[in-house]
Amino acid sequence: MRDCCDMRGFLSFIVLRLIAKKNMSGEEIREELKKRRGTKPSPGTIYPVLKALSSSGFIEEISSKGKVKKYKLTAKGRKELKVATIKFCSIFYDMKDEFGRHC
């Protein structure tokens, strides 16, 4: 049975926010999401998101050690994240007080 509120639609937004805080590899993103939600997303979930964000010019690969690729936000990605954050807040702001009681 699938959860009704699994937040899959927010994955690109969450990945952009994580990479904005520090340059990260796909594995680091998977680990961070595991800390936050209790389960580690599969590579088949994370890497297509990274590819799409990279293709859109929101992130770019930086020098890597061996096979580990790290990503950083681009100027275009910073602008997109700012717009997405404003949109997220405008959608969910009215629930702020209720979230505070349940979190």
Protein backbone atom coordinates (compact mmCIF):
# COMPACT_ATOMS: atom_id res chain seq x y z
CA MET A 1 0.00 0.00 0.00
CA ARG A 2 1.34 3.42 -0.96
CA ASP A 3 1.32 6.27 1.54
CA CYS A 4 -0.96 9.11 0.49
CA CYS A 5 1.52 11.82 1.43
CA ASP A 6 4.93 10.49 0.45
CA MET A 7 6.21 13.92 -0.67
CA ARG A 8 7.70 12.60 -3.93
CA GLY A 9 6.74 15.79 -5.73
CA PHE A 10 9.11 17.73 -3.50
CA LEU A 11 12.25 15.71 -4.22
CA SER A 12 13.80 18.17 -6.69
CA PHE A 13 13.11 21.03 -4.31
CA ILE A 14 14.64 19.14 -1.37
CA VAL A 15 17.71 18.16 -3.42
CA LEU A 16 18.25 21.79 -4.47
CA ARG A 17 17.95 22.92 -0.83
CA LEU A 18 20.45 20.29 0.33
CA ILE A 19 22.99 21.16 -2.37
CA ALA A 20 22.53 24.86 -1.57
CA LYS A 21 23.74 24.17 1.97
CA LYS A 22 26.85 22.30 0.81
CA ASN A 23 28.19 20.57 -2.28
CA MET A 24 27.04 16.97 -2.14
CA SER A 25 27.27 13.66 -3.97
CA GLY A 26 24.25 11.53 -4.77
CA GLU A 27 25.18 9.17 -1.96
CA GLU A 28 25.45 12.03 0.53
CA ILE A 29 22.00 13.22 -0.52
CA ARG A 30 20.63 9.69 -0.06
CA GLU A 31 22.15 9.52 3.43
CA GLU A 32 20.76 12.92 4.39
CA LEU A 33 17.29 11.90 3.23
CA LYS A 34 17.62 8.69 5.24
CA LYS A 35 18.30 10.77 8.36
CA ARG A 36 15.25 12.89 7.67
CA ARG A 37 12.70 10.25 6.68
CA GLY A 38 14.04 6.99 8.04
CA THR A 39 14.52 5.22 4.72
CA LYS A 40 17.24 5.69 2.14
CA PRO A 41 15.98 6.42 -1.37
CA SER A 42 17.30 4.16 -4.09
CA PRO A 43 19.91 5.36 -6.59
CA GLY A 44 17.15 5.02 -9.21
CA THR A 45 15.25 7.74 -7.37
CA ILE A 46 18.07 10.22 -6.73
CA TYR A 47 20.24 10.05 -9.83
CA PRO A 48 17.48 10.86 -12.36
CA VAL A 49 16.67 13.95 -10.26
CA LEU A 50 20.33 14.99 -10.29
CA LYS A 51 20.47 14.44 -14.05
CA ALA A 52 17.33 16.52 -14.61
CA LEU A 53 18.56 19.33 -12.37
CA SER A 54 21.90 19.29 -14.17
CA SER A 55 20.25 19.27 -17.62
CA SER A 56 18.16 22.27 -16.56
CA GLY A 57 21.31 24.12 -15.51
CA PHE A 58 20.35 24.30 -11.82
CA ILE A 59 23.32 22.24 -10.61
CA GLU A 60 26.69 21.32 -12.03
CA GLU A 61 29.23 18.65 -11.36
CA ILE A 62 32.40 19.76 -9.64
CA SER A 63 35.76 18.08 -9.39
CA SER A 64 35.43 14.65 -7.89
CA LYS A 65 37.65 12.14 -6.18
CA GLY A 66 37.69 8.90 -8.11
CA LYS A 67 34.19 7.91 -9.15
CA VAL A 68 32.38 10.15 -6.64
CA LYS A 69 30.67 13.10 -8.33
CA LYS A 70 29.76 16.11 -6.25
CA TYR A 71 27.28 18.74 -7.32
CA LYS A 72 26.97 22.43 -6.62
CA LEU A 73 24.25 24.95 -7.23
CA THR A 74 24.63 27.27 -10.21
CA ALA A 75 23.51 30.91 -10.31
CA LYS A 76 20.44 29.72 -12.23
CA GLY A 77 19.85 27.12 -9.51
CA ARG A 78 20.01 29.76 -6.78
CA LYS A 79 17.37 31.81 -8.60
CA GLU A 80 15.20 28.74 -9.10
CA LEU A 81 15.53 27.75 -5.45
CA LYS A 82 14.52 31.24 -4.34
CA VAL A 83 11.41 31.14 -6.55
CA ALA A 84 10.57 27.58 -5.45
CA THR A 85 10.98 28.48 -1.76
CA ILE A 86 8.65 31.46 -2.12
CA LYS A 87 6.12 29.23 -3.89
CA PHE A 88 6.44 26.51 -1.23
CA CYS A 89 5.94 29.03 1.57
CA SER A 90 2.96 30.65 -0.13
CA ILE A 91 1.29 27.24 -0.55
CA PHE A 92 1.94 26.00 2.98
CA TYR A 93 2.26 29.16 5.09
CA ASP A 94 -1.33 29.00 6.29
CA MET A 95 -0.49 25.65 7.93
CA LYS A 96 2.46 27.07 9.89
CA ASP A 97 0.72 27.06 13.26
CA GLU A 98 -0.66 23.56 12.76
CA PHE A 99 2.74 22.20 11.69
CA GLY A 100 4.25 23.65 14.85
CA ARG A 101 1.84 21.65 16.99
CA HIS A 102 2.59 18.36 15.20
CA CYS A 103 6.33 18.55 14.62
